[in-house]
Protein backbone atom coordinates (compact mmCIF):
# COMPACT_ATOMS: atom_id res chain seq x y z
CA MET A 1 -60.28 -57.59 33.15
CA LEU A 2 -62.42 -54.65 32.85
CA ARG A 3 -64.78 -56.80 34.37
CA LEU A 4 -63.55 -55.77 38.00
CA LEU A 5 -64.73 -52.80 37.63
CA ARG A 6 -67.82 -53.67 38.83
CA GLU A 7 -66.84 -54.66 41.93
CA PRO A 8 -66.79 -51.53 44.48
CA ARG A 9 -63.16 -52.64 45.80
CA TRP A 10 -61.50 -52.02 42.53
CA LEU A 11 -63.72 -48.98 41.80
CA GLY A 12 -62.66 -47.49 44.95
CA TYR A 13 -58.97 -48.21 43.66
CA LEU A 14 -59.61 -46.64 40.35
CA ALA A 15 -61.08 -43.37 42.29
CA LEU A 16 -57.96 -43.61 44.35
CA ALA A 17 -55.67 -43.40 40.81
CA ILE A 18 -57.46 -40.90 39.90
CA ALA A 19 -57.26 -38.52 42.81
CA PHE A 20 -53.66 -39.35 42.61
CA ALA A 21 -53.41 -38.43 39.09
CA LEU A 22 -55.04 -34.77 39.59
CA VAL A 23 -52.65 -34.39 42.30
CA CYS A 24 -49.33 -35.12 40.38
CA CYS A 25 -50.65 -33.39 37.32
CA PHE A 26 -51.33 -29.76 39.92
CA LEU A 27 -47.87 -30.43 40.83
CA GLY A 28 -46.15 -30.70 37.39
CA TRP A 29 -48.16 -27.26 36.67
CA TRP A 30 -46.94 -25.79 39.67
CA GLN A 31 -43.45 -26.56 39.38
CA TRP A 32 -43.40 -25.94 34.95
CA ASP A 33 -44.98 -22.25 36.43
CA ARG A 34 -42.21 -21.71 38.28
CA ARG A 35 -40.24 -22.71 35.54
CA GLU A 36 -41.92 -19.84 33.31
CA GLN A 37 -41.41 -17.37 35.96
CA ALA A 38 -37.72 -18.28 36.62
CA LEU A 39 -37.32 -17.67 32.83
CA ALA A 40 -38.89 -14.85 32.55
CA ALA A 41 -37.05 -13.39 35.47
CA ILE A 42 -34.22 -14.24 33.58
CA ASP A 43 -35.56 -12.31 30.33
CA ARG A 44 -36.07 -9.13 32.01
CA LEU A 45 -32.59 -9.19 34.20
CA GLU A 46 -30.55 -10.00 30.14
CA SER A 47 -32.87 -7.20 28.55
CA ASN A 48 -32.77 -4.55 31.03
CA TYR A 49 -29.54 -4.90 33.23
CA ASP A 50 -27.32 -3.17 30.21
CA ARG A 51 -29.74 -0.73 29.15
CA ALA A 52 -29.25 3.14 28.68
CA PRO A 53 -30.32 5.09 31.76
CA VAL A 54 -33.29 7.01 30.79
CA ALA A 55 -35.27 9.49 33.44
CA VAL A 56 -37.05 8.62 36.06
CA THR A 57 -39.88 10.33 35.38
CA ASP A 58 -39.98 8.37 31.80
CA ALA A 59 -39.73 5.46 33.43
CA LEU A 60 -42.22 5.85 35.99
CA PRO A 61 -44.55 8.66 34.96
CA ALA A 62 -46.97 8.38 38.01
CA LEU A 63 -44.99 7.57 41.54
CA ASP A 64 -47.43 4.85 42.47
CA THR A 65 -46.75 2.94 39.12
CA PHE A 66 -44.49 0.21 38.28
CA ASP A 67 -44.40 -2.99 35.84
CA VAL A 68 -42.73 -6.01 36.59
CA ASP A 69 -40.95 -6.17 33.43
CA GLN A 70 -39.19 -2.89 34.44
CA GLN A 71 -36.92 -4.56 36.90
CA TRP A 72 -33.03 -3.84 36.52
CA THR A 73 -34.15 -0.69 34.09
CA PRO A 74 -31.41 2.07 35.04
CA VAL A 75 -32.93 5.51 35.51
CA LEU A 76 -31.35 8.49 35.99
CA LEU A 77 -31.82 11.50 38.86
CA GLU A 78 -30.87 14.57 39.47
CA GLY A 79 -31.37 15.99 42.56
CA GLU A 80 -29.62 15.69 46.05
CA TYR A 81 -29.34 13.11 48.69
CA LEU A 82 -31.89 13.96 52.39
CA VAL A 83 -28.56 12.53 54.26
CA GLU A 84 -30.50 13.43 57.28
CA GLU A 85 -33.21 10.72 56.45
CA GLN A 86 -31.00 8.06 55.96
CA LEU A 87 -31.73 4.71 56.99
CA LEU A 88 -30.09 1.12 57.57
CA LEU A 89 -31.72 -1.71 56.25
CA ARG A 90 -30.82 -4.50 58.31
CA GLY A 91 -30.15 -7.99 58.03
CA ARG A 92 -28.68 -8.01 54.41
CA TRP A 93 -26.03 -10.59 53.30
CA ARG A 94 -22.98 -10.28 51.28
CA GLU A 95 -20.81 -12.77 50.37
CA GLY A 96 -21.31 -14.69 53.30
CA GLU A 97 -21.13 -11.74 55.58
CA VAL A 98 -24.35 -9.94 57.46
CA GLY A 99 -24.48 -6.28 57.21
CA PHE A 100 -26.63 -3.26 56.28
CA ASP A 101 -27.77 -1.52 52.70
CA VAL A 102 -27.83 2.05 52.79
CA ILE A 103 -30.83 3.39 51.92
CA THR A 104 -31.04 7.30 51.26
CA PRO A 105 -34.07 9.40 50.13
CA PHE A 106 -33.17 11.21 46.49
CA ARG A 107 -35.04 14.49 45.91
CA THR A 108 -34.98 15.14 42.56
CA LEU A 109 -35.61 18.84 40.83
CA ASP A 110 -38.88 18.95 40.55
CA GLY A 111 -39.24 17.82 44.32
CA THR A 112 -40.13 14.54 44.34
CA VAL A 113 -38.43 11.75 46.18
CA PHE A 114 -36.88 8.64 44.91
CA LEU A 115 -35.92 5.83 46.83
CA VAL A 116 -31.92 4.64 46.77
CA ASP A 117 -30.18 1.90 47.77
CA ARG A 118 -26.63 2.69 47.76
CA GLY A 119 -25.34 -0.11 48.85
CA TRP A 120 -23.68 -2.45 51.38
CA ILE A 121 -21.80 -1.96 54.36
CA ASP A 122 -20.39 -4.47 56.95
CA GLN A 123 -22.00 -4.88 60.32
CA ALA A 124 -19.94 -4.65 63.72
CA GLU A 125 -18.77 -8.11 64.97
CA GLY A 126 -21.73 -8.22 68.54
CA ALA A 127 -23.18 -4.60 67.43
CA GLU A 128 -26.26 -4.00 65.48
CA GLN A 129 -24.67 -0.99 64.42
CA PRO A 130 -22.01 -0.86 61.03
CA ILE A 131 -18.46 -0.87 61.42
CA THR A 132 -18.23 2.43 59.64
CA ALA A 133 -20.85 5.22 59.08
CA PRO A 134 -21.73 5.59 55.38
CA ALA A 135 -20.30 8.97 53.56
CA THR A 136 -23.33 9.78 51.33
CA PRO A 137 -22.31 12.98 49.35
CA GLU A 138 -24.11 15.91 49.79
CA GLY A 139 -25.19 18.70 47.50
CA ARG A 140 -26.42 18.49 43.95
CA THR A 141 -25.82 15.31 42.26
CA THR A 142 -26.55 12.62 39.28
CA VAL A 143 -27.40 9.69 40.19
CA VAL A 144 -27.93 6.08 38.17
CA ALA A 145 -30.16 3.42 39.43
CA ARG A 146 -31.66 -0.07 38.54
CA LEU A 147 -35.38 -0.27 39.35
CA ARG A 148 -36.40 -2.94 41.96
CA PRO A 149 -39.78 -3.19 43.20
CA ASN A 150 -41.10 -2.28 46.65
CA GLU A 151 -40.32 -5.21 49.16
CA GLY A 152 -43.57 -4.59 51.21
CA ARG A 153 -43.85 -5.05 54.91
CA ILE A 154 -42.45 -7.88 56.40
CA ALA A 155 -45.12 -9.23 59.14
CA GLY A 156 -43.56 -9.75 62.86
CA ARG A 157 -39.94 -7.99 61.99
CA GLY A 158 -39.31 -4.84 63.76
CA ALA A 159 -36.39 -2.44 63.84
CA PRO A 160 -34.27 -0.34 65.85
CA GLU A 161 -34.66 3.53 65.34
CA GLY A 162 -33.06 4.46 61.73
CA GLN A 163 -33.41 1.11 60.72
CA ILE A 164 -36.02 -0.70 58.56
CA ALA A 165 -36.51 -4.21 58.10
CA SER A 166 -37.53 -4.35 54.58
CA VAL A 167 -37.87 -1.58 52.20
CA ASP A 168 -41.87 -1.07 52.28
CA LEU A 169 -42.02 2.14 50.04
CA PRO A 170 -45.41 3.53 51.69
CA SER A 171 -44.54 3.10 55.21
CA ILE A 172 -41.10 5.32 54.55
CA ALA A 173 -42.99 7.56 52.22
CA ALA A 174 -45.55 8.42 55.06
CA ASP A 175 -42.77 9.37 57.61
CA LEU A 176 -40.95 11.74 55.20
CA GLY A 177 -44.17 13.60 54.18
CA ALA A 178 -43.22 14.51 50.47
CA PRO A 179 -44.37 12.83 47.33
CA THR A 180 -42.10 9.94 47.18
CA TYR A 181 -41.99 7.04 44.47
CA THR A 182 -43.85 4.07 45.58
CA GLY A 183 -44.02 1.62 43.28
CA ALA A 184 -40.16 1.12 42.93
CA TYR A 185 -36.92 2.09 43.86
CA GLY A 186 -33.12 1.92 42.87
CA LEU A 187 -30.16 -0.04 43.32
CA LEU A 188 -27.50 2.32 43.07
CA VAL A 189 -25.11 2.26 40.00
CA THR A 190 -23.19 5.56 39.93
CA GLU A 191 -23.16 8.87 41.40
CA GLY A 192 -21.71 12.24 40.62
CA GLY A 193 -20.31 9.69 37.38
CA GLU A 194 -18.68 7.20 40.03
CA VAL A 195 -19.20 4.28 41.83
CA PRO A 196 -18.98 4.94 45.82
CA THR A 197 -16.13 3.53 47.61
CA ASP A 198 -17.96 3.74 51.22
CA VAL A 199 -20.40 1.00 50.25
CA ALA A 200 -20.12 -2.17 48.25
CA VAL A 201 -22.82 -1.44 45.31
CA ALA A 202 -25.06 -4.24 44.25
CA VAL A 203 -23.46 -6.52 42.01
CA ARG A 204 -25.25 -8.33 39.15
CA PRO A 205 -27.58 -11.31 40.18
CA VAL A 206 -26.98 -14.55 38.66
CA LEU A 207 -29.96 -16.42 37.74
CA ASP A 208 -30.86 -19.78 36.69
CA GLU A 209 -33.96 -21.57 35.83
CA GLY A 210 -33.27 -24.03 38.12
CA PRO A 211 -34.52 -28.22 38.31
CA HIS A 212 -38.41 -27.09 37.80
CA LEU A 213 -38.58 -28.44 33.94
CA SER A 214 -36.80 -32.07 35.64
CA TYR A 215 -39.33 -31.83 38.74
CA SER A 216 -42.43 -30.90 36.42
CA LEU A 217 -41.58 -33.94 34.03
CA GLN A 218 -41.61 -36.15 37.04
CA TRP A 219 -44.91 -35.58 38.46
CA TYR A 220 -46.65 -36.09 35.21
CA VAL A 221 -44.49 -39.80 35.10
CA PHE A 222 -45.58 -40.54 38.94
CA ALA A 223 -49.61 -39.79 37.62
CA LEU A 224 -49.24 -42.44 34.80
CA GLY A 225 -47.22 -44.76 37.05
CA GLY A 226 -50.67 -44.42 39.45
CA PHE A 227 -52.77 -46.32 37.01
CA ALA A 228 -49.82 -48.33 35.72
CA ALA A 229 -49.65 -49.78 39.21
CA LEU A 230 -53.32 -50.31 38.80
CA VAL A 231 -53.83 -52.08 35.67
CA TRP A 232 -50.84 -54.53 37.48
CA ALA A 233 -53.17 -55.08 40.05
CA MET A 234 -56.01 -55.75 38.15
CA ARG A 235 -54.07 -58.30 35.91
CA ASP A 236 -52.21 -59.91 39.08
CA ALA A 237 -55.94 -60.62 40.56
CA ARG A 238 -57.17 -61.71 36.97
CA ARG A 239 -54.65 -64.07 36.90
CA GLY A 240 -55.51 -65.75 40.07
CA GLU A 241 -59.09 -66.06 39.13
CA THR A 242 -58.17 -68.16 35.68
CA VAL A 243 -55.14 -70.49 37.21
CA PRO A 244 -56.89 -73.93 37.42
CA VAL A 245 -56.40 -75.96 40.70
CA GLU A 246 -54.73 -78.69 40.33
CA ARG A 247 -56.23 -82.12 41.84
CA PRO A 248 -53.78 -84.97 42.92
CA PRO A 249 -53.71 -87.65 40.93
CA ARG A 250 -55.67 -90.45 40.87
CA LYS A 251 -53.84 -93.84 42.07
CA ARG A 252 -55.26 -96.83 40.23
CA ARG A 253 -56.14 -99.83 41.97
CA SER A 254 -54.87 -103.42 41.30
CA ASP A 255 -56.90 -106.56 41.38
CA ALA A 256 -55.91 -107.55 44.40
CA ASP A 257 -56.70 -104.57 46.32
CA VAL A 258 -60.98 -105.00 44.84
CA GLU A 259 -60.27 -108.58 45.92
CA ASP A 260 -59.28 -107.15 49.62
CA ASP A 261 -62.54 -104.71 49.35
CA ILE A 262 -64.69 -107.85 48.50
CA LEU A 263 -63.42 -110.07 51.24
CA ASP A 264 -63.82 -107.20 54.08
CA ARG A 265 -67.29 -106.76 53.19
CA ARG A 266 -68.34 -110.44 53.93
């Protein structure tokens, strides 16, 4: 059967099977990597979400530093909200409804500013404004928030005055004109020791690893299937070459037939 590989046609089929297997293996590795990322995200949530709050200066020693493994870590801040600089983060969904997240700068006692997502507020029907104005507390208070990474800018999406399309920390910091944390912001847990009632604070997300493991195994099976199809085709071709050609049975001539041939020749 291997002698078929001397023929250009079968060499082409082999090259095609190898290319197909390489593509399948790449896709299988990609699905496996996505599973690893999902498992890491679950581990970060389980490890950090219910930890005791730490001072924001301990968690983020520099304004632009943030490690992905710090996600969901609760931090403690003391200072006051800059209510006049408050922004509405548009297009945020909660329980099937679209609304706004209230993004409020919080100036700590050392003068640095930390962005706090206080929570979600419903959008007025037919209008790009919230149903009610958020009642952000004024004056000195204590805030506990969970760290989230900078979202960055979303290309092609704008927002009206006083609203933003994403939590792009460097852009917000530039508008504030004050030393501001640009590596991470926080999802509000409590302010002044209480959960606010004017907004719906973020709830614990439900994470799962998804179907990436089964998808990964399927792609590796597909890779083997390409070679199996090639072997089957080669065996089928080889079988066609070795099947003997059946000849029609030779009819035995009688003495009368021989005598007739002699008479015909006279």
